[in-house]
C-alpha atoms as a PDB file:
ATOM      1  CA  MET A   1      53.228 169.064 -30.771  1.00  0.00           C
ATOM      2  CA  ARG A   2      52.110 165.519 -31.277  1.00  0.00           C
ATOM      3  CA  THR A   3      54.908 163.039 -31.923  1.00  0.00           C
ATOM      4  CA  VAL A   4      52.546 160.728 -33.770  1.00  0.00           C
ATOM      5  CA  THR A   5      49.805 161.943 -36.075  1.00  0.00           C
ATOM      6  CA  ARG A   6      47.530 159.291 -37.477  1.00  0.00           C
ATOM      7  CA  LEU A   7      45.933 159.669 -40.883  1.00  0.00           C
ATOM      8  CA  ALA A   8      44.138 162.791 -39.831  1.00  0.00           C
ATOM      9  CA  GLY A   9      40.510 163.740 -39.704  1.00  0.00           C
ATOM     10  CA  PHE A  10      38.876 160.370 -38.975  1.00  0.00           C
ATOM     11  CA  ALA A  11      35.162 160.891 -39.449  1.00  0.00           C
ATOM     12  CA  VAL A  12      32.942 160.789 -36.385  1.00  0.00           C
ATOM     13  CA  GLY A  13      29.217 160.851 -37.098  1.00  0.00           C
ATOM     14  CA  LEU A  14      29.762 161.228 -40.822  1.00  0.00           C
ATOM     15  CA  ALA A  15      27.819 164.046 -42.392  1.00  0.00           C
ATOM     16  CA  ALA A  16      29.262 163.763 -45.889  1.00  0.00           C
ATOM     17  CA  ILE A  17      27.392 165.480 -48.667  1.00  0.00           C
ATOM     18  CA  PHE A  18      27.684 163.374 -51.805  1.00  0.00           C
ATOM     19  CA  GLY A  19      26.171 164.131 -55.174  1.00  0.00           C
ATOM     20  CA  ALA A  20      26.486 167.893 -54.558  1.00  0.00           C
ATOM     21  CA  THR A  21      28.217 170.207 -57.015  1.00  0.00           C
ATOM     22  CA  TYR A  22      30.480 173.125 -56.249  1.00  0.00           C
ATOM     23  CA  GLY A  23      31.109 176.197 -58.403  1.00  0.00           C
ATOM     24  CA  VAL A  24      34.799 176.779 -59.102  1.00  0.00           C
ATOM     25  CA  GLY A  25      35.978 179.610 -61.320  1.00  0.00           C
ATOM     26  CA  ARG A  26      37.986 178.684 -64.394  1.00  0.00           C
ATOM     27  CA  LEU A  27      41.512 180.030 -64.496  1.00  0.00           C
ATOM     28  CA  ALA A  28      40.896 181.331 -68.013  1.00  0.00           C
ATOM     29  CA  ASP A  29      37.535 183.081 -67.737  1.00  0.00           C
ATOM     30  CA  ARG A  30      36.339 182.273 -64.211  1.00  0.00           C
ATOM     31  CA  THR A  31      32.995 180.960 -65.424  1.00  0.00           C
ATOM     32  CA  PRO A  32      31.735 178.328 -62.995  1.00  0.00           C
ATOM     33  CA  VAL A  33      32.783 174.744 -63.417  1.00  0.00           C
ATOM     34  CA  ALA A  34      30.393 172.210 -61.916  1.00  0.00           C
ATOM     35  CA  GLU A  35      32.304 169.536 -60.107  1.00  0.00           C
ATOM     36  CA  SER A  36      30.483 166.258 -59.650  1.00  0.00           C
ATOM     37  CA  ARG A  37      31.402 163.965 -56.809  1.00  0.00           C
ATOM     38  CA  HIS A  38      33.033 160.712 -57.914  1.00  0.00           C
ATOM     39  CA  ASP A  39      30.958 157.551 -57.896  1.00  0.00           C
ATOM     40  CA  GLY A  40      33.591 156.226 -55.506  1.00  0.00           C
ATOM     41  CA  ASP A  41      32.671 158.825 -52.909  1.00  0.00           C
ATOM     42  CA  ALA A  42      29.959 156.533 -51.632  1.00  0.00           C
ATOM     43  CA  VAL A  43      32.715 154.002 -51.049  1.00  0.00           C
ATOM     44  CA  HIS A  44      34.857 156.666 -49.318  1.00  0.00           C
ATOM     45  CA  ALA A  45      32.297 156.882 -46.519  1.00  0.00           C
ATOM     46  CA  THR A  46      33.676 153.564 -45.356  1.00  0.00           C
ATOM     47  CA  GLY A  47      37.142 154.028 -46.811  1.00  0.00           C
ATOM     48  CA  GLU A  48      38.297 153.026 -50.292  1.00  0.00           C
ATOM     49  CA  ARG A  49      40.617 150.449 -48.715  1.00  0.00           C
ATOM     50  CA  GLY A  50      37.912 149.156 -46.375  1.00  0.00           C
ATOM     51  CA  GLU A  51      38.581 151.348 -43.318  1.00  0.00           C
ATOM     52  CA  PRO A  52      35.631 151.346 -40.896  1.00  0.00           C
ATOM     53  CA  ALA A  53      33.335 154.362 -40.986  1.00  0.00           C
ATOM     54  CA  ASP A  54      34.773 155.810 -37.775  1.00  0.00           C
ATOM     55  CA  ARG A  55      38.319 155.743 -39.205  1.00  0.00           C
ATOM     56  CA  VAL A  56      37.907 157.266 -42.649  1.00  0.00           C
ATOM     57  CA  PRO A  57      41.231 158.962 -43.502  1.00  0.00           C
ATOM     58  CA  GLY A  58      41.440 162.724 -43.751  1.00  0.00           C
ATOM     59  CA  GLY A  59      40.826 164.558 -47.000  1.00  0.00           C
ATOM     60  CA  LEU A  60      38.369 162.058 -48.480  1.00  0.00           C
ATOM     61  CA  LEU A  61      35.277 163.988 -47.419  1.00  0.00           C
ATOM     62  CA  VAL A  62      34.077 167.414 -48.511  1.00  0.00           C
ATOM     63  CA  SER A  63      31.845 167.580 -45.429  1.00  0.00           C
ATOM     64  CA  ASP A  64      32.508 166.100 -41.991  1.00  0.00           C
ATOM     65  CA  ARG A  65      31.075 166.686 -38.520  1.00  0.00           C
ATOM     66  CA  GLY A  66      28.931 169.522 -39.863  1.00  0.00           C
ATOM     67  CA  TYR A  67      31.796 171.410 -41.523  1.00  0.00           C
ATOM     68  CA  THR A  68      31.910 171.770 -45.315  1.00  0.00           C
ATOM     69  CA  LEU A  69      34.619 172.959 -47.708  1.00  0.00           C
ATOM     70  CA  ASP A  70      32.931 175.265 -50.229  1.00  0.00           C
ATOM     71  CA  PRO A  71      35.024 176.748 -53.089  1.00  0.00           C
ATOM     72  CA  VAL A  72      33.752 180.135 -54.293  1.00  0.00           C
ATOM     73  CA  ASP A  73      34.258 182.086 -57.483  1.00  0.00           C
ATOM     74  CA  ALA A  74      37.318 184.329 -57.573  1.00  0.00           C
ATOM     75  CA  PRO A  75      39.474 186.290 -60.044  1.00  0.00           C
ATOM     76  CA  ALA A  76      41.641 184.249 -62.380  1.00  0.00           C
ATOM     77  CA  ASP A  77      44.761 184.742 -60.282  1.00  0.00           C
ATOM     78  CA  GLN A  78      43.158 183.680 -56.996  1.00  0.00           C
ATOM     79  CA  PHE A  79      41.748 180.614 -55.291  1.00  0.00           C
ATOM     80  CA  ALA A  80      38.991 181.210 -52.735  1.00  0.00           C
ATOM     81  CA  PHE A  81      36.833 179.089 -50.466  1.00  0.00           C
ATOM     82  CA  ARG A  82      34.832 179.094 -47.261  1.00  0.00           C
ATOM     83  CA  ILE A  83      34.357 176.606 -44.474  1.00  0.00           C
ATOM     84  CA  THR A  84      30.721 176.498 -43.386  1.00  0.00           C
ATOM     85  CA  GLY A  85      29.918 175.225 -39.912  1.00  0.00           C
ATOM     86  CA  PRO A  86      27.120 173.134 -38.395  1.00  0.00           C
ATOM     87  CA  ASP A  87      24.890 176.238 -38.377  1.00  0.00           C
ATOM     88  CA  GLY A  88      25.340 176.667 -42.133  1.00  0.00           C
ATOM     89  CA  GLN A  89      27.251 179.919 -41.714  1.00  0.00           C
ATOM     90  CA  PRO A  90      30.855 180.620 -42.741  1.00  0.00           C
ATOM     91  CA  VAL A  91      33.338 179.885 -39.959  1.00  0.00           C
ATOM     92  CA  THR A  92      35.344 182.951 -38.942  1.00  0.00           C
ATOM     93  CA  ARG A  93      37.210 181.709 -35.849  1.00  0.00           C
ATOM     94  CA  TYR A  94      40.087 179.240 -36.121  1.00  0.00           C
ATOM     95  CA  ASP A  95      42.815 178.046 -33.786  1.00  0.00           C
ATOM     96  CA  VAL A  96      46.460 178.408 -34.783  1.00  0.00           C
ATOM     97  CA  ALA A  97      47.984 175.028 -35.648  1.00  0.00           C
ATOM     98  CA  HIS A  98      51.624 174.828 -36.699  1.00  0.00           C
ATOM     99  CA  ASP A  99      51.889 178.627 -36.921  1.00  0.00           C
ATOM    100  CA  ARG A 100      48.874 179.055 -39.216  1.00  0.00           C
ATOM    101  CA  ARG A 101      45.083 179.067 -39.010  1.00  0.00           C
ATOM    102  CA  MET A 102      44.700 177.389 -42.396  1.00  0.00           C
ATOM    103  CA  HIS A 103      46.902 175.062 -44.414  1.00  0.00           C
ATOM    104  CA  LEU A 104      45.835 174.587 -48.031  1.00  0.00           C
ATOM    105  CA  ILE A 105      47.464 171.718 -49.912  1.00  0.00           C
ATOM    106  CA  VAL A 106      46.767 171.087 -53.584  1.00  0.00           C
ATOM    107  CA  VAL A 107      47.966 168.315 -55.896  1.00  0.00           C
ATOM    108  CA  ARG A 108      46.941 166.923 -59.259  1.00  0.00           C
ATOM    109  CA  ARG A 109      45.226 163.568 -59.296  1.00  0.00           C
ATOM    110  CA  ASP A 110      48.415 162.029 -60.754  1.00  0.00           C
ATOM    111  CA  LEU A 111      50.248 163.327 -57.615  1.00  0.00           C
ATOM    112  CA  THR A 112      52.231 166.025 -59.448  1.00  0.00           C
ATOM    113  CA  GLY A 113      52.095 169.773 -58.918  1.00  0.00           C
ATOM    114  CA  PHE A 114      52.127 169.654 -55.100  1.00  0.00           C
ATOM    115  CA  ARG A 115      51.737 173.040 -53.392  1.00  0.00           C
ATOM    116  CA  HIS A 116      51.333 173.990 -49.737  1.00  0.00           C
ATOM    117  CA  VAL A 117      50.125 177.554 -49.183  1.00  0.00           C
ATOM    118  CA  HIS A 118      48.494 179.634 -46.451  1.00  0.00           C
ATOM    119  CA  PRO A 119      45.459 181.714 -47.440  1.00  0.00           C
ATOM    120  CA  GLU A 120      44.331 184.928 -45.756  1.00  0.00           C
ATOM    121  CA  LEU A 121      40.962 185.087 -44.000  1.00  0.00           C
ATOM    122  CA  ALA A 122      38.520 187.890 -44.801  1.00  0.00           C
ATOM    123  CA  PRO A 123      35.980 189.095 -42.206  1.00  0.00           C
ATOM    124  CA  ASP A 124      33.154 187.337 -44.071  1.00  0.00           C
ATOM    125  CA  GLY A 125      34.830 183.942 -43.645  1.00  0.00           C
ATOM    126  CA  THR A 126      36.317 183.716 -47.153  1.00  0.00           C
ATOM    127  CA  TRP A 127      39.868 182.387 -47.473  1.00  0.00           C
ATOM    128  CA  ARG A 128      41.871 183.768 -50.434  1.00  0.00           C
ATOM    129  CA  VAL A 129      45.304 183.029 -51.847  1.00  0.00           C
ATOM    130  CA  GLY A 130      47.134 183.481 -55.138  1.00  0.00           C
ATOM    131  CA  THR A 131      46.069 180.427 -57.110  1.00  0.00           C
ATOM    132  CA  PRO A 132      48.231 177.382 -56.386  1.00  0.00           C
ATOM    133  CA  LEU A 133      46.682 175.450 -59.305  1.00  0.00           C
ATOM    134  CA  ALA A 134      49.621 175.374 -61.713  1.00  0.00           C
ATOM    135  CA  GLY A 135      48.018 174.476 -65.006  1.00  0.00           C
ATOM    136  CA  PRO A 136      45.277 172.234 -66.362  1.00  0.00           C
ATOM    137  CA  GLY A 137      44.149 169.007 -64.793  1.00  0.00           C
ATOM    138  CA  GLN A 138      42.011 167.445 -62.113  1.00  0.00           C
ATOM    139  CA  TRP A 139      43.232 168.777 -58.783  1.00  0.00           C
ATOM    140  CA  ARG A 140      42.485 167.817 -55.203  1.00  0.00           C
ATOM    141  CA  ALA A 141      42.428 170.682 -52.691  1.00  0.00           C
ATOM    142  CA  PHE A 142      42.828 169.890 -48.982  1.00  0.00           C
ATOM    143  CA  ALA A 143      41.899 172.354 -46.239  1.00  0.00           C
ATOM    144  CA  ASP A 144      43.686 171.453 -42.984  1.00  0.00           C
ATOM    145  CA  PHE A 145      42.362 173.504 -40.056  1.00  0.00           C
ATOM    146  CA  ALA A 146      40.991 173.573 -36.506  1.00  0.00           C
ATOM    147  CA  PRO A 147      37.759 175.521 -35.913  1.00  0.00           C
ATOM    148  CA  THR A 148      37.805 177.215 -32.523  1.00  0.00           C
ATOM    149  CA  GLY A 149      36.085 174.920 -30.056  1.00  0.00           C
ATOM    150  CA  ALA A 150      36.160 171.872 -32.352  1.00  0.00           C
ATOM    151  CA  ASP A 151      38.559 169.095 -33.299  1.00  0.00           C
ATOM    152  CA  PRO A 152      41.020 169.550 -36.185  1.00  0.00           C
ATOM    153  CA  LEU A 153      39.730 168.541 -39.612  1.00  0.00           C
ATOM    154  CA  THR A 154      41.036 167.902 -43.105  1.00  0.00           C
ATOM    155  CA  LEU A 155      38.428 168.319 -45.843  1.00  0.00           C
ATOM    156  CA  GLY A 156      39.023 167.761 -49.564  1.00  0.00           C
ATOM    157  CA  VAL A 157      37.360 168.764 -52.806  1.00  0.00           C
ATOM    158  CA  ASP A 158      38.157 168.207 -56.493  1.00  0.00           C
ATOM    159  CA  VAL A 159      38.789 171.221 -58.717  1.00  0.00           C
ATOM    160  CA  THR A 160      39.023 171.032 -62.511  1.00  0.00           C
ATOM    161  CA  VAL A 161      41.255 173.387 -64.474  1.00  0.00           C
ATOM    162  CA  PRO A 162      40.435 173.052 -68.200  1.00  0.00           C
ATOM    163  CA  GLY A 163      43.089 172.415 -70.810  1.00  0.00           C
ATOM    164  CA  GLU A 164      45.269 169.634 -72.153  1.00  0.00           C
ATOM    165  CA  LEU A 165      47.237 167.585 -69.670  1.00  0.00           C
ATOM    166  CA  THR A 166      49.385 164.512 -70.135  1.00  0.00           C
ATOM    167  CA  GLU A 167      49.106 162.388 -67.016  1.00  0.00           C
ATOM    168  CA  ARG A 168      52.465 161.406 -65.592  1.00  0.00           C
ATOM    169  CA  PRO A 169      53.178 157.961 -64.129  1.00  0.00           C
ATOM    170  CA  LEU A 170      53.995 157.767 -60.454  1.00  0.00           C
ATOM    171  CA  PRO A 171      57.798 157.583 -60.028  1.00  0.00           C
ATOM    172  CA  ALA A 172      59.129 154.279 -58.751  1.00  0.00           C
ATOM    173  CA  PRO A 173      60.095 154.030 -55.080  1.00  0.00           C
ATOM    174  CA  ALA A 174      63.509 155.491 -54.255  1.00  0.00           C
ATOM    175  CA  THR A 175      65.371 156.289 -51.040  1.00  0.00           C
ATOM    176  CA  SER A 176      67.098 159.438 -52.282  1.00  0.00           C
ATOM    177  CA  THR A 177      66.103 162.490 -54.286  1.00  0.00           C
ATOM    178  CA  THR A 178      67.503 165.922 -55.093  1.00  0.00           C
ATOM    179  CA  VAL A 179      65.813 169.314 -54.998  1.00  0.00           C
ATOM    180  CA  ASP A 180      67.351 172.750 -55.560  1.00  0.00           C
ATOM    181  CA  GLY A 181      70.861 171.359 -55.053  1.00  0.00           C
ATOM    182  CA  TYR A 182      70.017 169.487 -51.853  1.00  0.00           C
ATOM    183  CA  THR A 183      70.131 165.706 -51.540  1.00  0.00           C
ATOM    184  CA  VAL A 184      67.542 164.165 -49.234  1.00  0.00           C
ATOM    185  CA  THR A 185      67.785 160.533 -48.171  1.00  0.00           C
ATOM    186  CA  LEU A 186      64.951 158.546 -46.638  1.00  0.00           C
ATOM    187  CA  THR A 187      65.488 155.823 -44.035  1.00  0.00           C
ATOM    188  CA  GLY A 188      62.580 153.664 -42.942  1.00  0.00           C
ATOM    189  CA  SER A 189      59.389 152.404 -44.521  1.00  0.00           C
ATOM    190  CA  PRO A 190      55.720 152.840 -43.585  1.00  0.00           C
ATOM    191  CA  ARG A 191      53.858 149.829 -42.203  1.00  0.00           C
ATOM    192  CA  PRO A 192      50.100 149.486 -42.668  1.00  0.00           C
ATOM    193  CA  GLY A 193      48.218 150.000 -39.421  1.00  0.00           C
ATOM    194  CA  ARG A 194      51.389 150.437 -37.367  1.00  0.00           C
ATOM    195  CA  THR A 195      53.536 153.353 -36.326  1.00  0.00           C
ATOM    196  CA  ALA A 196      56.857 153.407 -38.171  1.00  0.00           C
ATOM    197  CA  PRO A 197      59.797 155.834 -38.051  1.00  0.00           C
ATOM    198  CA  LEU A 198      60.685 157.788 -41.180  1.00  0.00           C
ATOM    199  CA  THR A 199      63.942 159.757 -41.118  1.00  0.00           C
ATOM    200  CA  PHE A 200      64.977 162.261 -43.792  1.00  0.00           C
ATOM    201  CA  THR A 201      68.632 163.357 -43.939  1.00  0.00           C
ATOM    202  CA  VAL A 202      69.505 166.567 -45.770  1.00  0.00           C
ATOM    203  CA  SER A 203      72.879 167.308 -47.345  1.00  0.00           C
ATOM    204  CA  ARG A 204      74.260 169.828 -49.822  1.00  0.00           C
ATOM    205  CA  ASN A 205      77.398 169.513 -51.911  1.00  0.00           C
ATOM    206  CA  GLY A 206      78.182 166.299 -50.049  1.00  0.00           C
ATOM    207  CA  GLN A 207      78.033 167.980 -46.642  1.00  0.00           C
ATOM    208  CA  PRO A 208      75.322 167.450 -44.005  1.00  0.00           C
ATOM    209  CA  VAL A 209      73.053 170.443 -43.447  1.00  0.00           C
ATOM    210  CA  THR A 210      73.136 171.156 -39.724  1.00  0.00           C
ATOM    211  CA  ASP A 211      71.450 174.570 -39.683  1.00  0.00           C
ATOM    212  CA  LEU A 212      67.943 173.907 -40.925  1.00  0.00           C
ATOM    213  CA  GLU A 213      65.563 176.746 -40.103  1.00  0.00           C
ATOM    214  CA  PRO A 214      62.200 176.424 -38.350  1.00  0.00           C
ATOM    215  CA  TYR A 215      59.267 176.177 -40.732  1.00  0.00           C
ATOM    216  CA  LEU A 216      55.719 176.068 -39.335  1.00  0.00           C
ATOM    217  CA  GLY A 217      57.144 175.480 -35.871  1.00  0.00           C
ATOM    218  CA  ALA A 218      59.382 172.553 -36.798  1.00  0.00           C
ATOM    219  CA  TYR A 219      62.473 171.603 -38.809  1.00  0.00           C
ATOM    220  CA  GLY A 220      60.378 169.655 -41.273  1.00  0.00           C
ATOM    221  CA  HIS A 221      56.829 169.269 -42.436  1.00  0.00           C
ATOM    222  CA  LEU A 222      55.535 166.070 -44.039  1.00  0.00           C
ATOM    223  CA  VAL A 223      52.411 165.335 -46.066  1.00  0.00           C
ATOM    224  CA  ALA A 224      51.653 161.877 -47.468  1.00  0.00           C
ATOM    225  CA  LEU A 225      48.964 161.013 -50.005  1.00  0.00           C
ATOM    226  CA  ARG A 226      47.745 157.525 -50.821  1.00  0.00           C
ATOM    227  CA  ARG A 227      47.725 156.703 -54.508  1.00  0.00           C
ATOM    228  CA  GLY A 228      44.230 156.325 -55.939  1.00  0.00           C
ATOM    229  CA  ASP A 229      41.891 158.042 -53.493  1.00  0.00           C
ATOM    230  CA  LEU A 230      44.485 160.562 -52.215  1.00  0.00           C
ATOM    231  CA  ALA A 231      43.828 159.815 -48.552  1.00  0.00           C
ATOM    232  CA  TYR A 232      45.717 162.482 -46.594  1.00  0.00           C
ATOM    233  CA  LEU A 233      48.330 162.070 -43.879  1.00  0.00           C
ATOM    234  CA  HIS A 234      49.857 165.140 -42.208  1.00  0.00           C
ATOM    235  CA  VAL A 235      52.632 164.589 -39.664  1.00  0.00           C
ATOM    236  CA  HIS A 236      55.279 166.637 -37.917  1.00  0.00           C
ATOM    237  CA  PRO A 237      58.573 165.533 -36.389  1.00  0.00           C
ATOM    238  CA  ALA A 238      59.140 164.791 -32.727  1.00  0.00           C
ATOM    239  CA  GLY A 239      60.503 167.749 -30.838  1.00  0.00           C
ATOM    240  CA  THR A 240      60.437 171.467 -31.537  1.00  0.00           C
ATOM    241  CA  PRO A 241      63.137 174.039 -32.302  1.00  0.00           C
ATOM    242  CA  GLY A 242      64.581 175.479 -29.112  1.00  0.00           C
ATOM    243  CA  ASP A 243      63.483 172.632 -26.829  1.00  0.00           C
ATOM    244  CA  GLY A 244      67.111 171.846 -25.972  1.00  0.00           C
ATOM    245  CA  ARG A 245      66.948 168.364 -27.529  1.00  0.00           C
ATOM    246  CA  THR A 246      65.960 168.749 -31.167  1.00  0.00           C
ATOM    247  CA  ARG A 247      68.847 169.399 -33.538  1.00  0.00           C
ATOM    248  CA  PRO A 248      68.448 171.523 -36.695  1.00  0.00           C
ATOM    249  CA  GLY A 249      69.503 168.736 -39.039  1.00  0.00           C
ATOM    250  CA  PRO A 250      70.831 166.972 -40.866  1.00  0.00           C
ATOM    251  CA  ALA A 251      68.210 164.368 -39.833  1.00  0.00           C
ATOM    252  CA  VAL A 252      64.507 165.100 -39.404  1.00  0.00           C
ATOM    253  CA  SER A 253      62.538 162.156 -38.017  1.00  0.00           C
ATOM    254  CA  PHE A 254      58.824 161.431 -38.037  1.00  0.00           C
ATOM    255  CA  LEU A 255      56.577 158.761 -36.597  1.00  0.00           C
ATOM    256  CA  ALA A 256      53.810 157.997 -39.065  1.00  0.00           C
ATOM    257  CA  GLU A 257      51.032 155.482 -39.415  1.00  0.00           C
ATOM    258  CA  VAL A 258      49.426 154.666 -42.761  1.00  0.00           C
ATOM    259  CA  PRO A 259      46.029 152.953 -42.781  1.00  0.00           C
ATOM    260  CA  SER A 260      46.531 150.367 -45.501  1.00  0.00           C
ATOM    261  CA  ALA A 261      48.908 148.654 -47.884  1.00  0.00           C
ATOM    262  CA  GLY A 262      49.528 150.644 -51.021  1.00  0.00           C
ATOM    263  CA  SER A 263      51.667 153.257 -52.708  1.00  0.00           C
ATOM    264  CA  TYR A 264      52.094 156.667 -51.108  1.00  0.00           C
ATOM    265  CA  ARG A 265      53.684 159.884 -52.241  1.00  0.00           C
ATOM    266  CA  LEU A 266      55.620 161.774 -49.543  1.00  0.00           C
ATOM    267  CA  TYR A 267      56.233 165.532 -49.657  1.00  0.00           C
ATOM    268  CA  LEU A 268      58.842 166.848 -47.216  1.00  0.00           C
ATOM    269  CA  ASP A 269      59.064 170.620 -46.727  1.00  0.00           C
ATOM    270  CA  PHE A 270      62.202 172.004 -45.091  1.00  0.00           C
ATOM    271  CA  GLN A 271      63.631 175.502 -44.874  1.00  0.00           C
ATOM    272  CA  HIS A 272      67.257 176.529 -45.360  1.00  0.00           C
ATOM    273  CA  GLY A 273      68.787 179.826 -46.375  1.00  0.00           C
ATOM    274  CA  GLY A 274      65.416 181.523 -46.023  1.00  0.00           C
ATOM    275  CA  THR A 275      63.790 179.334 -48.690  1.00  0.00           C
ATOM    276  CA  VAL A 276      61.394 176.417 -48.336  1.00  0.00           C
ATOM    277  CA  HIS A 277      62.244 173.362 -50.439  1.00  0.00           C
ATOM    278  CA  THR A 278      60.100 170.298 -51.113  1.00  0.00           C
ATOM    279  CA  ALA A 279      61.564 166.811 -51.548  1.00  0.00           C
ATOM    280  CA  GLU A 280      59.266 164.117 -52.953  1.00  0.00           C
ATOM    281  CA  PHE A 281      59.378 160.338 -52.536  1.00  0.00           C
ATOM    282  CA  THR A 282      57.293 157.339 -53.558  1.00  0.00           C
ATOM    283  CA  VAL A 283      57.038 154.625 -50.909  1.00  0.00           C
ATOM    284  CA  VAL A 284      55.151 151.337 -50.750  1.00  0.00           C
ATOM    285  CA  ALA A 285      53.584 150.108 -47.532  1.00  0.00           C
ATOM    286  CA  GLY A 286      53.019 146.380 -47.232  1.00  0.00           C
ATOM    287  CA  THR A 287      51.752 144.536 -50.293  1.00  0.00           C
ATOM    288  CA  PRO A 288      49.676 146.974 -52.337  1.00  0.00           C
ATOM    289  CA  PRO A 289      46.445 145.942 -54.054  1.00  0.00           C
ATOM    290  CA  THR A 290      46.732 144.794 -57.662  1.00  0.00           C
ATOM    291  CA  GLY A 291      47.295 147.742 -59.974  1.00  0.00           C
ATOM    292  CA  ASN A 292      48.532 150.027 -57.187  1.00  0.00           C
ATOM    293  CA  THR A 293      52.255 149.532 -57.720  1.00  0.00           C
ATOM    294  CA  PRO A 294      54.117 152.454 -59.336  1.00  0.00           C
ATOM    295  CA  SER A 295      55.085 151.725 -62.913  1.00  0.00           C
ATOM    296  CA  GLY A 296      57.070 154.832 -63.764  1.00  0.00           C
ATOM    297  CA  PRO A 297      60.850 155.002 -63.918  1.00  0.00           C
ATOM    298  CA  ALA A 298      62.843 155.753 -60.804  1.00  0.00           C
ATOM    299  CA  PRO A 299      63.486 159.486 -60.499  1.00  0.00           C
ATOM    300  CA  SER A 300      66.890 160.733 -61.607  1.00  0.00           C
ATOM    301  CA  GLY A 301      67.554 164.156 -60.224  1.00  0.00           C
ATOM    302  CA  GLY A 302      64.999 166.624 -58.909  1.00  0.00           C
ATOM    303  CA  ALA A 303      61.362 165.831 -58.276  1.00  0.00           C
ATOM    304  CA  ASP A 304      58.613 167.670 -60.118  1.00  0.00           C
ATOM    305  CA  HIS A 305      56.986 170.308 -57.925  1.00  0.00           C
ATOM    306  CA  GLY A 306      54.622 171.819 -60.454  1.00  0.00           C
ATOM    307  CA  THR A 307      56.078 175.341 -60.595  1.00  0.00           C
ATOM    308  CA  PRO A 308      59.592 176.776 -60.287  1.00  0.00           C
ATOM    309  CA  GLY A 309      60.557 177.729 -56.753  1.00  0.00           C
ATOM    310  CA  HIS A 310      57.744 175.635 -55.287  1.00  0.00           C
ATOM    311  CA  GLY A 311      55.967 178.774 -54.078  1.00  0.00           C
ATOM    312  CA  HIS A 312      55.335 178.073 -50.403  1.00  0.00           C
ATOM    313  CA  ASN A 313      53.410 180.853 -48.682  1.00  0.00           C
END
C-alpha cells in the first residue's frame, strides 16, 4: 500500500472527449437525460487551478489514456455504467485495489450527499449498483479503478437527477465533527504542492476507540474533493492491519498532497462495530482564490451524509 497518494489519475497523453453527451436514466422514469460537458472542461485539460497538462488531477476527465466512463440506462433503483478501453470495447478485466475492483464515489456539486459504494461487474462489462444518488441535484460520479495491465485511473462524469434542490453552503473549516455518536478530531492541515500529515482521532462517549476494524484493507479510507471543480484525491493511511506496527486506533494517519490552494472537503470512512461511518471536514490549503472560501456556518453536530446510515457497500 502506498504511504503517499498524490491527487490521483494525472493525465498522460490526454484523450479527453469534450462536448460529448451521455445518456443517464432519470430516477423517476428512466428516460434519458443528456448531460452536456461544462464549458470549463476545456480548462480542465490543463487544470482549473493551472496545473500542467501532465498533472491534471483525477476525476476531472470523463476519458483519459483511452479509457472512458460511460453511464448506461438502468432501472430506477439502479446506477449502471461501463468503462470502455482503447479498443472501444467494454473493459471486463480489472485488478483488485483496496479489496475491490471498482470504487464508485458520488457527491452533489455542493459537496453534500457523499456515498462510496462498490458495484458488481456483469460479464458484458456493465457495472451495476443500487443507486447511490440520494435525491435531486447535479451529481459528480467518480469511477476509481485499475484495468488489468494498465495504470490506475479515476474518471468522472456529471449526472443530473431532476427535481427541486436547495444548494447548501459549504460548512466552515472545523477540526472536530461527530457522526453516529463518534467524535472525530483532525490534526494537521494540507499544504499546496507538498506532502502533509493528516491525523484523525476517533473517540466515543469520551473514550478513545482502540479497536477499529479493517475496511478496504486499512483502518481508514480518505477521499478529498476540491471545491469548485471537484478534483479528486484518494489516499490511504500508512501501514496495514496485521503488519505488527499499525494500531487499530484511536489515530489514523495519512500523508496527502493537494495540488493547489483552495477549500477541500474531506470524507473519512472508518469501520467499528461492523458498521462503516463517514466523518466529514472542510479544510483550507494555503490562501484560496477569491470566492473559494467557505461561507457557511461551522458544523454543530453530525455532518450531512445524504442518506441515513450512509449506505456503504
